């Protein structure tokens, strides 16, 4: 009996970019906590929070170093950036449960429903997994999407991390409060009164919301993986793509610029809930770009440059030469 031969995709991680940044909320914002308020007479809604460890001079033990702070989940920024990029590109939207529509590469039953190998949403933000058994050659011939899985598929490139109030912001707050031990969660919040008015009876339905007050400075980072197929373009991917003409040279450059453009869309709109009512306006600043060249066996990431706004970062990525060095190093052998 013949032994079944499975596909053997060749994939190599050749580099990792890292974006480090500060994020300022220009208006109050709310990413809701799922925990109900337990204090009688308190607001109906409060932001997500966590006990975060900060180190300061009057910190005597582990518990004293912890401060309850609001934070921005990496999933919130990723989801918002992804959804805006989907809409900006006019991508098709699908649903698997009849409830939520979004762009997807893989539908029910491991069926490929969007097959462009250079789609920035699928490659930057990720797609649902597929079972390899569905895309193996068979006695009847190759599966129509064997080429996609074998030659053009790679894991999610962008890795978003949770964002917390910056060390500098906490340090300033410690001085303002006369000591870090005097900081409470309420120091990060403001009350926002809202009301619903019955259009017929004019009856009011008021409620109070606690949201993160303006001008809290958060810090965060996004890692961005670069694979060999993102630098050494593959014929099979070019042949099946309608987006290949948007890629001047390297898919990696196109994907990284797409990530930055998605963040720009978040900056132009909002993050969190109630954005159409003024919540969630943000600004990125103090952006630092690092790169760890794994193809050249560099021992650690190196800082490339610093930017004060996302547009300058996007334009710089369009000129960066690091991809040329990777190509010279590996593409002759892939």
C-alpha atoms as a PDB file:
ATOM      1  CA  UNK A   1       0.000   0.000   0.000  1.00  0.00           C
ATOM      2  CA  UNK A   2       1.398   3.366  -1.024  1.00  0.00           C
ATOM      3  CA  UNK A   3       2.258   5.807   1.732  1.00  0.00           C
ATOM      4  CA  UNK A   4       0.408   9.084   1.346  1.00  0.00           C
ATOM      5  CA  UNK A   5       2.728  12.013   0.675  1.00  0.00           C
ATOM      6  CA  UNK A   6       1.696  15.211   2.410  1.00  0.00           C
ATOM      7  CA  UNK A   7       2.684  18.690   1.331  1.00  0.00           C
ATOM      8  CA  UNK A   8       5.834  20.078   2.899  1.00  0.00           C
ATOM      9  CA  UNK A   9       5.515  23.876   2.910  1.00  0.00           C
ATOM     10  CA  UNK A  10       8.849  25.659   3.238  1.00  0.00           C
ATOM     11  CA  UNK A  11       8.688  28.640   5.597  1.00  0.00           C
ATOM     12  CA  UNK A  12      11.450  30.566   7.339  1.00  0.00           C
ATOM     13  CA  UNK A  13      11.224  33.451   9.804  1.00  0.00           C
ATOM     14  CA  UNK A  14      13.863  35.946   8.638  1.00  0.00           C
ATOM     15  CA  UNK A  15      13.212  39.025  10.770  1.00  0.00           C
ATOM     16  CA  UNK A  16      11.066  40.745  13.384  1.00  0.00           C
ATOM     17  CA  UNK A  17      10.173  44.424  13.440  1.00  0.00           C
ATOM     18  CA  UNK A  18       8.992  46.053  16.637  1.00  0.00           C
ATOM     19  CA  UNK A  19       7.020  49.276  16.931  1.00  0.00           C
ATOM     20  CA  UNK A  20       7.215  50.880  20.370  1.00  0.00           C
ATOM     21  CA  UNK A  21       4.986  53.873  20.961  1.00  0.00           C
ATOM     22  CA  UNK A  22       3.147  56.145  23.334  1.00  0.00           C
ATOM     23  CA  UNK A  23      -0.605  56.613  22.931  1.00  0.00           C
ATOM     24  CA  UNK A  24      -2.512  59.626  24.277  1.00  0.00           C
ATOM     25  CA  UNK A  25      -6.294  59.615  24.537  1.00  0.00           C
ATOM     26  CA  UNK A  26      -7.358  63.117  23.483  1.00  0.00           C
ATOM     27  CA  UNK A  27     -10.915  62.530  24.709  1.00  0.00           C
ATOM     28  CA  UNK A  28     -12.319  60.251  27.386  1.00  0.00           C
ATOM     29  CA  UNK A  29     -12.612  56.654  26.235  1.00  0.00           C
ATOM     30  CA  UNK A  30     -14.335  53.496  27.390  1.00  0.00           C
ATOM     31  CA  UNK A  31     -13.475  49.861  26.853  1.00  0.00           C
ATOM     32  CA  UNK A  32     -16.068  48.256  29.086  1.00  0.00           C
ATOM     33  CA  UNK A  33     -15.265  45.960  31.966  1.00  0.00           C
ATOM     34  CA  UNK A  34     -17.338  42.789  32.158  1.00  0.00           C
ATOM     35  CA  UNK A  35     -17.311  42.969  35.955  1.00  0.00           C
ATOM     36  CA  UNK A  36     -20.305  44.678  37.527  1.00  0.00           C
ATOM     37  CA  UNK A  37     -19.685  47.488  39.958  1.00  0.00           C
ATOM     38  CA  UNK A  38     -20.130  46.253  43.526  1.00  0.00           C
ATOM     39  CA  UNK A  39     -20.194  49.631  45.245  1.00  0.00           C
ATOM     40  CA  UNK A  40     -23.663  50.939  46.048  1.00  0.00           C
ATOM     41  CA  UNK A  41     -24.525  54.127  44.204  1.00  0.00           C
ATOM     42  CA  UNK A  42     -21.577  53.769  41.823  1.00  0.00           C
ATOM     43  CA  UNK A  43     -21.574  54.301  38.069  1.00  0.00           C
ATOM     44  CA  UNK A  44     -23.331  51.767  35.868  1.00  0.00           C
ATOM     45  CA  UNK A  45     -20.278  51.136  33.683  1.00  0.00           C
ATOM     46  CA  UNK A  46     -16.525  51.336  34.279  1.00  0.00           C
ATOM     47  CA  UNK A  47     -13.444  50.691  32.087  1.00  0.00           C
ATOM     48  CA  UNK A  48     -11.387  47.522  32.067  1.00  0.00           C
ATOM     49  CA  UNK A  49      -8.680  47.583  34.719  1.00  0.00           C
ATOM     50  CA  UNK A  50      -5.805  45.565  36.078  1.00  0.00           C
ATOM     51  CA  UNK A  51      -3.332  45.674  38.954  1.00  0.00           C
ATOM     52  CA  UNK A  52      -0.044  46.605  37.290  1.00  0.00           C
ATOM     53  CA  UNK A  53       3.353  46.478  38.937  1.00  0.00           C
ATOM     54  CA  UNK A  54       5.348  49.717  38.866  1.00  0.00           C
ATOM     55  CA  UNK A  55       8.664  50.203  40.631  1.00  0.00           C
ATOM     56  CA  UNK A  56       9.236  53.417  42.561  1.00  0.00           C
ATOM     57  CA  UNK A  57      11.368  54.491  45.523  1.00  0.00           C
ATOM     58  CA  UNK A  58       8.748  54.084  48.275  1.00  0.00           C
ATOM     59  CA  UNK A  59       7.798  50.618  47.057  1.00  0.00           C
ATOM     60  CA  UNK A  60       8.641  48.257  49.933  1.00  0.00           C
ATOM     61  CA  UNK A  61       7.153  44.964  48.756  1.00  0.00           C
ATOM     62  CA  UNK A  62       5.390  43.375  45.800  1.00  0.00           C
ATOM     63  CA  UNK A  63       1.913  44.418  46.929  1.00  0.00           C
ATOM     64  CA  UNK A  64       2.968  48.033  47.471  1.00  0.00           C
ATOM     65  CA  UNK A  65       4.289  48.138  43.900  1.00  0.00           C
ATOM     66  CA  UNK A  66       0.882  47.325  42.412  1.00  0.00           C
ATOM     67  CA  UNK A  67      -1.451  50.066  41.203  1.00  0.00           C
ATOM     68  CA  UNK A  68      -4.934  49.519  39.795  1.00  0.00           C
ATOM     69  CA  UNK A  69      -4.869  51.132  36.355  1.00  0.00           C
ATOM     70  CA  UNK A  70      -7.000  51.221  33.204  1.00  0.00           C
ATOM     71  CA  UNK A  71      -5.489  49.544  30.170  1.00  0.00           C
ATOM     72  CA  UNK A  72      -6.124  49.085  26.465  1.00  0.00           C
ATOM     73  CA  UNK A  73      -6.222  45.394  25.481  1.00  0.00           C
ATOM     74  CA  UNK A  74      -4.094  44.608  22.456  1.00  0.00           C
ATOM     75  CA  UNK A  75      -7.137  42.849  21.018  1.00  0.00           C
ATOM     76  CA  UNK A  76      -9.100  46.127  21.075  1.00  0.00           C
ATOM     77  CA  UNK A  77      -6.516  47.989  19.001  1.00  0.00           C
ATOM     78  CA  UNK A  78      -6.002  45.026  16.686  1.00  0.00           C
ATOM     79  CA  UNK A  79      -9.716  44.490  16.091  1.00  0.00           C
ATOM     80  CA  UNK A  80     -10.372  48.171  15.438  1.00  0.00           C
ATOM     81  CA  UNK A  81      -7.402  48.499  13.066  1.00  0.00           C
ATOM     82  CA  UNK A  82      -8.371  45.341  11.202  1.00  0.00           C
ATOM     83  CA  UNK A  83     -12.023  46.306  10.756  1.00  0.00           C
ATOM     84  CA  UNK A  84     -11.128  49.760   9.429  1.00  0.00           C
ATOM     85  CA  UNK A  85      -8.623  48.328   6.943  1.00  0.00           C
ATOM     86  CA  UNK A  86     -11.237  45.825   5.729  1.00  0.00           C
ATOM     87  CA  UNK A  87     -13.633  48.689   5.026  1.00  0.00           C
ATOM     88  CA  UNK A  88     -10.966  50.912   3.474  1.00  0.00           C
ATOM     89  CA  UNK A  89     -10.038  48.151   1.010  1.00  0.00           C
ATOM     90  CA  UNK A  90     -13.674  47.290   0.276  1.00  0.00           C
ATOM     91  CA  UNK A  91     -13.127  43.610   1.038  1.00  0.00           C
ATOM     92  CA  UNK A  92     -15.979  41.118   0.955  1.00  0.00           C
ATOM     93  CA  UNK A  93     -17.562  40.348   4.334  1.00  0.00           C
ATOM     94  CA  UNK A  94     -18.898  36.961   5.407  1.00  0.00           C
ATOM     95  CA  UNK A  95     -20.413  35.289   8.452  1.00  0.00           C
ATOM     96  CA  UNK A  96     -20.205  31.783   9.873  1.00  0.00           C
ATOM     97  CA  UNK A  97     -22.859  32.179  12.569  1.00  0.00           C
ATOM     98  CA  UNK A  98     -25.404  34.571  11.055  1.00  0.00           C
ATOM     99  CA  UNK A  99     -24.534  37.177  13.690  1.00  0.00           C
ATOM    100  CA  UNK A 100     -21.201  38.827  12.906  1.00  0.00           C
ATOM    101  CA  UNK A 101     -19.950  39.847   9.456  1.00  0.00           C
ATOM    102  CA  UNK A 102     -16.243  40.333   8.849  1.00  0.00           C
ATOM    103  CA  UNK A 103     -13.648  39.589   6.193  1.00  0.00           C
ATOM    104  CA  UNK A 104     -12.329  36.044   6.274  1.00  0.00           C
ATOM    105  CA  UNK A 105     -10.082  33.886   4.144  1.00  0.00           C
ATOM    106  CA  UNK A 106     -11.472  30.577   5.416  1.00  0.00           C
ATOM    107  CA  UNK A 107     -15.167  29.825   5.872  1.00  0.00           C
ATOM    108  CA  UNK A 108     -17.086  26.871   7.246  1.00  0.00           C
ATOM    109  CA  UNK A 109     -15.821  23.404   6.454  1.00  0.00           C
ATOM    110  CA  UNK A 110     -12.284  24.630   5.712  1.00  0.00           C
ATOM    111  CA  UNK A 111     -13.545  26.251   2.524  1.00  0.00           C
ATOM    112  CA  UNK A 112     -11.380  29.003   1.041  1.00  0.00           C
ATOM    113  CA  UNK A 113     -13.655  31.957   0.261  1.00  0.00           C
ATOM    114  CA  UNK A 114     -11.029  34.671  -0.338  1.00  0.00           C
ATOM    115  CA  UNK A 115      -7.904  33.442  -2.053  1.00  0.00           C
ATOM    116  CA  UNK A 116      -5.728  36.464  -2.836  1.00  0.00           C
ATOM    117  CA  UNK A 117      -2.332  35.478  -1.391  1.00  0.00           C
ATOM    118  CA  UNK A 118      -1.286  39.121  -0.892  1.00  0.00           C
ATOM    119  CA  UNK A 119      -4.379  40.302   0.984  1.00  0.00           C
ATOM    120  CA  UNK A 120      -2.950  42.612   3.691  1.00  0.00           C
ATOM    121  CA  UNK A 121      -5.787  41.904   6.131  1.00  0.00           C
ATOM    122  CA  UNK A 122      -5.271  38.142   6.020  1.00  0.00           C
ATOM    123  CA  UNK A 123      -1.489  38.373   6.159  1.00  0.00           C
ATOM    124  CA  UNK A 124      -1.071  41.166   8.715  1.00  0.00           C
ATOM    125  CA  UNK A 125      -3.940  40.392  11.095  1.00  0.00           C
ATOM    126  CA  UNK A 126      -4.343  36.670  10.460  1.00  0.00           C
ATOM    127  CA  UNK A 127      -7.013  34.293   9.251  1.00  0.00           C
ATOM    128  CA  UNK A 128      -8.763  31.200  10.512  1.00  0.00           C
ATOM    129  CA  UNK A 129      -6.677  28.047  10.404  1.00  0.00           C
ATOM    130  CA  UNK A 130      -7.153  25.287   7.861  1.00  0.00           C
ATOM    131  CA  UNK A 131      -6.667  21.555   8.286  1.00  0.00           C
ATOM    132  CA  UNK A 132      -3.804  20.483   5.988  1.00  0.00           C
ATOM    133  CA  UNK A 133      -5.612  17.243   5.054  1.00  0.00           C
ATOM    134  CA  UNK A 134      -8.132  19.271   3.039  1.00  0.00           C
ATOM    135  CA  UNK A 135      -5.446  20.685   0.743  1.00  0.00           C
ATOM    136  CA  UNK A 136      -3.316  17.651  -0.097  1.00  0.00           C
ATOM    137  CA  UNK A 137      -2.889  16.242  -3.604  1.00  0.00           C
ATOM    138  CA  UNK A 138      -5.136  13.226  -4.223  1.00  0.00           C
ATOM    139  CA  UNK A 139      -5.499  10.495  -6.800  1.00  0.00           C
ATOM    140  CA  UNK A 140      -7.787  12.828  -8.714  1.00  0.00           C
ATOM    141  CA  UNK A 141      -5.089  15.525  -8.787  1.00  0.00           C
ATOM    142  CA  UNK A 142      -4.235  18.620  -6.804  1.00  0.00           C
ATOM    143  CA  UNK A 143      -6.754  20.507  -4.719  1.00  0.00           C
ATOM    144  CA  UNK A 144      -7.534  23.913  -6.317  1.00  0.00           C
ATOM    145  CA  UNK A 145      -5.891  25.640  -3.347  1.00  0.00           C
ATOM    146  CA  UNK A 146      -2.878  23.411  -2.803  1.00  0.00           C
ATOM    147  CA  UNK A 147      -0.677  26.223  -4.152  1.00  0.00           C
ATOM    148  CA  UNK A 148      -2.026  28.668  -1.533  1.00  0.00           C
ATOM    149  CA  UNK A 149      -1.312  26.434   1.449  1.00  0.00           C
ATOM    150  CA  UNK A 150       2.021  25.136   0.166  1.00  0.00           C
ATOM    151  CA  UNK A 151       3.559  28.302  -1.281  1.00  0.00           C
ATOM    152  CA  UNK A 152       1.772  31.421   0.005  1.00  0.00           C
ATOM    153  CA  UNK A 153       0.520  30.738   3.535  1.00  0.00           C
ATOM    154  CA  UNK A 154       2.186  32.000   6.717  1.00  0.00           C
ATOM    155  CA  UNK A 155       1.150  32.772  10.306  1.00  0.00           C
ATOM    156  CA  UNK A 156      -0.204  36.131  11.458  1.00  0.00           C
ATOM    157  CA  UNK A 157       2.469  38.821  11.081  1.00  0.00           C
ATOM    158  CA  UNK A 158       1.290  41.436  13.610  1.00  0.00           C
ATOM    159  CA  UNK A 159       1.414  40.704  17.348  1.00  0.00           C
ATOM    160  CA  UNK A 160      -0.379  43.345  19.448  1.00  0.00           C
ATOM    161  CA  UNK A 161       0.359  43.720  23.159  1.00  0.00           C
ATOM    162  CA  UNK A 162      -1.732  45.252  25.933  1.00  0.00           C
ATOM    163  CA  UNK A 163      -1.105  48.958  26.633  1.00  0.00           C
ATOM    164  CA  UNK A 164      -0.761  50.376  30.153  1.00  0.00           C
ATOM    165  CA  UNK A 165      -0.230  53.882  31.561  1.00  0.00           C
ATOM    166  CA  UNK A 166       3.397  54.784  30.885  1.00  0.00           C
ATOM    167  CA  UNK A 167       6.117  54.841  33.534  1.00  0.00           C
ATOM    168  CA  UNK A 168       6.516  58.594  32.956  1.00  0.00           C
ATOM    169  CA  UNK A 169       2.795  59.217  33.454  1.00  0.00           C
ATOM    170  CA  UNK A 170       2.755  57.205  36.693  1.00  0.00           C
ATOM    171  CA  UNK A 171       5.874  59.017  37.919  1.00  0.00           C
ATOM    172  CA  UNK A 172       4.230  62.410  37.334  1.00  0.00           C
ATOM    173  CA  UNK A 173       1.052  61.211  39.045  1.00  0.00           C
ATOM    174  CA  UNK A 174       3.080  60.048  42.059  1.00  0.00           C
ATOM    175  CA  UNK A 175       4.525  63.535  42.468  1.00  0.00           C
ATOM    176  CA  UNK A 176       1.097  65.113  42.034  1.00  0.00           C
ATOM    177  CA  UNK A 177      -0.450  62.831  44.680  1.00  0.00           C
ATOM    178  CA  UNK A 178       2.388  63.195  47.172  1.00  0.00           C
ATOM    179  CA  UNK A 179       3.468  59.589  46.822  1.00  0.00           C
ATOM    180  CA  UNK A 180       2.703  56.590  44.636  1.00  0.00           C
ATOM    181  CA  UNK A 181       0.878  54.890  47.489  1.00  0.00           C
ATOM    182  CA  UNK A 182      -1.796  57.578  47.292  1.00  0.00           C
ATOM    183  CA  UNK A 183      -2.795  56.745  43.716  1.00  0.00           C
ATOM    184  CA  UNK A 184      -6.261  55.220  43.296  1.00  0.00           C
ATOM    185  CA  UNK A 185      -8.127  53.946  40.247  1.00  0.00           C
ATOM    186  CA  UNK A 186     -10.352  57.030  40.349  1.00  0.00           C
ATOM    187  CA  UNK A 187      -7.305  59.192  39.539  1.00  0.00           C
ATOM    188  CA  UNK A 188      -7.508  57.864  35.966  1.00  0.00           C
ATOM    189  CA  UNK A 189     -11.256  58.318  35.533  1.00  0.00           C
ATOM    190  CA  UNK A 190     -13.978  60.878  34.961  1.00  0.00           C
ATOM    191  CA  UNK A 191     -17.746  60.624  35.326  1.00  0.00           C
ATOM    192  CA  UNK A 192     -19.803  61.024  32.183  1.00  0.00           C
ATOM    193  CA  UNK A 193     -23.547  61.529  32.597  1.00  0.00           C
ATOM    194  CA  UNK A 194     -25.706  60.289  29.748  1.00  0.00           C
ATOM    195  CA  UNK A 195     -29.430  60.336  29.146  1.00  0.00           C
ATOM    196  CA  UNK A 196     -32.040  58.761  26.910  1.00  0.00           C
ATOM    197  CA  UNK A 197     -35.146  60.814  26.223  1.00  0.00           C
ATOM    198  CA  UNK A 198     -38.468  59.240  25.285  1.00  0.00           C
ATOM    199  CA  UNK A 199     -39.557  60.914  22.027  1.00  0.00           C
ATOM    200  CA  UNK A 200     -43.239  60.777  23.013  1.00  0.00           C
ATOM    201  CA  UNK A 201     -43.401  61.417  26.761  1.00  0.00           C
ATOM    202  CA  UNK A 202     -40.055  63.240  27.200  1.00  0.00           C
ATOM    203  CA  UNK A 203     -39.315  60.905  30.120  1.00  0.00           C
ATOM    204  CA  UNK A 204     -35.618  60.733  30.977  1.00  0.00           C
ATOM    205  CA  UNK A 205     -33.544  57.600  31.499  1.00  0.00           C
ATOM    206  CA  UNK A 206     -30.259  58.893  32.961  1.00  0.00           C
ATOM    207  CA  UNK A 207     -27.153  56.875  33.727  1.00  0.00           C
ATOM    208  CA  UNK A 208     -23.595  57.565  34.795  1.00  0.00           C
ATOM    209  CA  UNK A 209     -20.549  56.132  33.058  1.00  0.00           C
ATOM    210  CA  UNK A 210     -16.993  56.083  34.316  1.00  0.00           C
ATOM    211  CA  UNK A 211     -14.551  56.472  31.467  1.00  0.00           C
ATOM    212  CA  UNK A 212     -10.797  57.038  31.243  1.00  0.00           C
ATOM    213  CA  UNK A 213     -10.210  60.781  31.461  1.00  0.00           C
ATOM    214  CA  UNK A 214      -8.440  62.654  28.634  1.00  0.00           C
ATOM    215  CA  UNK A 215      -4.652  62.907  28.371  1.00  0.00           C
ATOM    216  CA  UNK A 216      -3.679  59.643  30.038  1.00  0.00           C
ATOM    217  CA  UNK A 217      -0.469  58.457  28.385  1.00  0.00           C
ATOM    218  CA  UNK A 218      -0.239  54.754  27.545  1.00  0.00           C
ATOM    219  CA  UNK A 219       2.724  52.849  26.162  1.00  0.00           C
ATOM    220  CA  UNK A 220       2.659  49.747  24.027  1.00  0.00           C
ATOM    221  CA  UNK A 221       4.295  47.766  21.267  1.00  0.00           C
ATOM    222  CA  UNK A 222       3.503  45.741  18.168  1.00  0.00           C
ATOM    223  CA  UNK A 223       5.817  43.035  16.820  1.00  0.00           C
ATOM    224  CA  UNK A 224       5.764  42.275  13.101  1.00  0.00           C
ATOM    225  CA  UNK A 225       7.060  38.980  11.719  1.00  0.00           C
ATOM    226  CA  UNK A 226       8.812  38.789   8.349  1.00  0.00           C
ATOM    227  CA  UNK A 227       8.975  35.436   6.550  1.00  0.00           C
ATOM    228  CA  UNK A 228      11.108  34.467   3.578  1.00  0.00           C
ATOM    229  CA  UNK A 229       8.137  34.516   1.190  1.00  0.00           C
ATOM    230  CA  UNK A 230       7.549  38.150   2.232  1.00  0.00           C
ATOM    231  CA  UNK A 231      10.927  39.089   0.746  1.00  0.00           C
ATOM    232  CA  UNK A 232      11.590  36.420  -1.873  1.00  0.00           C
ATOM    233  CA  UNK A 233       8.464  36.708  -4.018  1.00  0.00           C
ATOM    234  CA  UNK A 234       7.083  33.421  -5.259  1.00  0.00           C
ATOM    235  CA  UNK A 235       5.757  32.903  -8.749  1.00  0.00           C
ATOM    236  CA  UNK A 236       2.670  31.014  -7.573  1.00  0.00           C
ATOM    237  CA  UNK A 237       1.618  33.920  -5.342  1.00  0.00           C
ATOM    238  CA  UNK A 238       2.051  36.500  -8.103  1.00  0.00           C
ATOM    239  CA  UNK A 239       0.086  34.395 -10.591  1.00  0.00           C
ATOM    240  CA  UNK A 240      -2.981  34.183  -8.337  1.00  0.00           C
ATOM    241  CA  UNK A 241      -3.057  37.738  -6.966  1.00  0.00           C
ATOM    242  CA  UNK A 242      -5.087  40.749  -8.057  1.00  0.00           C
ATOM    243  CA  UNK A 243      -3.115  42.908  -5.622  1.00  0.00           C
ATOM    244  CA  UNK A 244       0.377  42.172  -6.941  1.00  0.00           C
ATOM    245  CA  UNK A 245       0.575  45.498  -8.782  1.00  0.00           C
ATOM    246  CA  UNK A 246       0.219  47.320  -5.440  1.00  0.00           C
ATOM    247  CA  UNK A 247       3.448  45.682  -4.281  1.00  0.00           C
ATOM    248  CA  UNK A 248       6.351  47.635  -5.755  1.00  0.00           C
ATOM    249  CA  UNK A 249       9.021  45.194  -4.610  1.00  0.00           C
ATOM    250  CA  UNK A 250       8.597  43.267  -1.353  1.00  0.00           C
ATOM    251  CA  UNK A 251       5.350  41.950   0.150  1.00  0.00           C
ATOM    252  CA  UNK A 252       6.879  42.633   3.591  1.00  0.00           C
ATOM    253  CA  UNK A 253       7.070  46.357   2.836  1.00  0.00           C
ATOM    254  CA  UNK A 254       3.453  46.343   1.606  1.00  0.00           C
ATOM    255  CA  UNK A 255       2.242  44.513   4.724  1.00  0.00           C
ATOM    256  CA  UNK A 256       4.146  46.736   7.155  1.00  0.00           C
ATOM    257  CA  UNK A 257       2.861  49.898   5.485  1.00  0.00           C
ATOM    258  CA  UNK A 258      -0.663  48.443   5.561  1.00  0.00           C
ATOM    259  CA  UNK A 259      -0.333  47.935   9.318  1.00  0.00           C
ATOM    260  CA  UNK A 260       0.714  51.554   9.828  1.00  0.00           C
ATOM    261  CA  UNK A 261      -2.103  52.795   7.581  1.00  0.00           C
ATOM    262  CA  UNK A 262      -4.592  50.779   9.657  1.00  0.00           C
ATOM    263  CA  UNK A 263      -3.272  52.485  12.809  1.00  0.00           C
ATOM    264  CA  UNK A 264      -3.670  55.842  11.051  1.00  0.00           C
ATOM    265  CA  UNK A 265      -7.337  54.999  10.445  1.00  0.00           C
ATOM    266  CA  UNK A 266      -7.786  54.309  14.161  1.00  0.00           C
ATOM    267  CA  UNK A 267      -6.184  57.667  14.904  1.00  0.00           C
ATOM    268  CA  UNK A 268      -8.566  59.372  12.465  1.00  0.00           C
ATOM    269  CA  UNK A 269     -11.628  57.726  14.054  1.00  0.00           C
ATOM    270  CA  UNK A 270     -11.653  56.280  17.586  1.00  0.00           C
ATOM    271  CA  UNK A 271     -11.027  53.280  19.796  1.00  0.00           C
ATOM    272  CA  UNK A 272     -13.459  51.708  22.251  1.00  0.00           C
ATOM    273  CA  UNK A 273     -17.182  52.367  22.490  1.00  0.00           C
ATOM    274  CA  UNK A 274     -19.397  55.375  21.701  1.00  0.00           C
ATOM    275  CA  UNK A 275     -16.944  56.872  19.217  1.00  0.00           C
ATOM    276  CA  UNK A 276     -19.709  58.639  17.306  1.00  0.00           C
ATOM    277  CA  UNK A 277     -20.473  60.550  20.518  1.00  0.00           C
ATOM    278  CA  UNK A 278     -16.973  61.882  21.034  1.00  0.00           C
ATOM    279  CA  UNK A 279     -15.334  59.040  22.930  1.00  0.00           C
ATOM    280  CA  UNK A 280     -12.011  57.434  22.071  1.00  0.00           C
ATOM    281  CA  UNK A 281     -10.006  59.963  20.050  1.00  0.00           C
ATOM    282  CA  UNK A 282      -6.331  58.985  20.300  1.00  0.00           C
ATOM    283  CA  UNK A 283      -2.897  60.093  19.102  1.00  0.00           C
ATOM    284  CA  UNK A 284       0.264  58.015  18.598  1.00  0.00           C
ATOM    285  CA  UNK A 285       3.587  59.635  19.452  1.00  0.00           C
ATOM    286  CA  UNK A 286       7.234  58.825  20.292  1.00  0.00           C
ATOM    287  CA  UNK A 287       7.177  55.935  17.817  1.00  0.00           C
ATOM    288  CA  UNK A 288      10.350  53.838  17.708  1.00  0.00           C
ATOM    289  CA  UNK A 289      11.124  51.265  15.014  1.00  0.00           C
ATOM    290  CA  UNK A 290      13.412  48.299  15.766  1.00  0.00           C
ATOM    291  CA  UNK A 291      14.460  45.359  13.608  1.00  0.00           C
ATOM    292  CA  UNK A 292      15.936  41.980  14.503  1.00  0.00           C
ATOM    293  CA  UNK A 293      17.595  40.522  11.398  1.00  0.00           C
ATOM    294  CA  UNK A 294      17.386  36.768  11.917  1.00  0.00           C
ATOM    295  CA  UNK A 295      18.560  36.046   8.381  1.00  0.00           C
ATOM    296  CA  UNK A 296      21.912  37.652   9.235  1.00  0.00           C
ATOM    297  CA  UNK A 297      22.018  35.978  12.687  1.00  0.00           C
ATOM    298  CA  UNK A 298      22.017  39.280  14.540  1.00  0.00           C
ATOM    299  CA  UNK A 299      21.981  38.631  18.315  1.00  0.00           C
ATOM    300  CA  UNK A 300      19.408  41.308  19.210  1.00  0.00           C
ATOM    301  CA  UNK A 301      17.094  43.936  17.694  1.00  0.00           C
ATOM    302  CA  UNK A 302      18.622  47.226  16.553  1.00  0.00           C
ATOM    303  CA  UNK A 303      16.908  50.587  16.715  1.00  0.00           C
ATOM    304  CA  UNK A 304      16.327  52.058  13.256  1.00  0.00           C
ATOM    305  CA  UNK A 305      14.731  55.444  13.923  1.00  0.00           C
ATOM    306  CA  UNK A 306      12.198  57.481  15.928  1.00  0.00           C
ATOM    307  CA  UNK A 307       9.092  59.217  14.551  1.00  0.00           C
ATOM    308  CA  UNK A 308       6.672  61.744  15.992  1.00  0.00           C
ATOM    309  CA  UNK A 309       3.725  60.679  13.821  1.00  0.00           C
ATOM    310  CA  UNK A 310       2.503  57.672  11.866  1.00  0.00           C
ATOM    311  CA  UNK A 311       2.629  59.321   8.433  1.00  0.00           C
ATOM    312  CA  UNK A 312       6.390  59.790   8.749  1.00  0.00           C
ATOM    313  CA  UNK A 313       6.801  56.158   9.776  1.00  0.00           C
ATOM    314  CA  UNK A 314       4.751  54.963   6.797  1.00  0.00           C
ATOM    315  CA  UNK A 315       6.805  57.057   4.369  1.00  0.00           C
ATOM    316  CA  UNK A 316      10.064  55.853   5.934  1.00  0.00           C
ATOM    317  CA  UNK A 317       9.045  52.210   5.519  1.00  0.00           C
ATOM    318  CA  UNK A 318       8.638  52.939   1.811  1.00  0.00           C
ATOM    319  CA  UNK A 319      12.367  53.765   1.649  1.00  0.00           C
ATOM    320  CA  UNK A 320      13.852  51.326   4.149  1.00  0.00           C
ATOM    321  CA  UNK A 321      16.652  49.162   2.702  1.00  0.00           C
ATOM    322  CA  UNK A 322      16.665  46.300   5.199  1.00  0.00           C
ATOM    323  CA  UNK A 323      14.672  44.092   2.816  1.00  0.00           C
ATOM    324  CA  UNK A 324      17.400  44.402   0.174  1.00  0.00           C
ATOM    325  CA  UNK A 325      19.953  42.968   2.606  1.00  0.00           C
ATOM    326  CA  UNK A 326      17.688  40.044   3.481  1.00  0.00           C
ATOM    327  CA  UNK A 327      17.068  39.322  -0.195  1.00  0.00           C
ATOM    328  CA  UNK A 328      20.789  39.220  -0.943  1.00  0.00           C
ATOM    329  CA  UNK A 329      21.269  36.876   1.992  1.00  0.00           C
ATOM    330  CA  UNK A 330      18.555  34.286   1.420  1.00  0.00           C
ATOM    331  CA  UNK A 331      16.649  34.592  -1.831  1.00  0.00           C
ATOM    332  CA  UNK A 332      19.164  32.790  -3.955  1.00  0.00           C
ATOM    333  CA  UNK A 333      18.596  29.684  -1.874  1.00  0.00           C
ATOM    334  CA  UNK A 334      14.775  29.758  -1.616  1.00  0.00           C
END
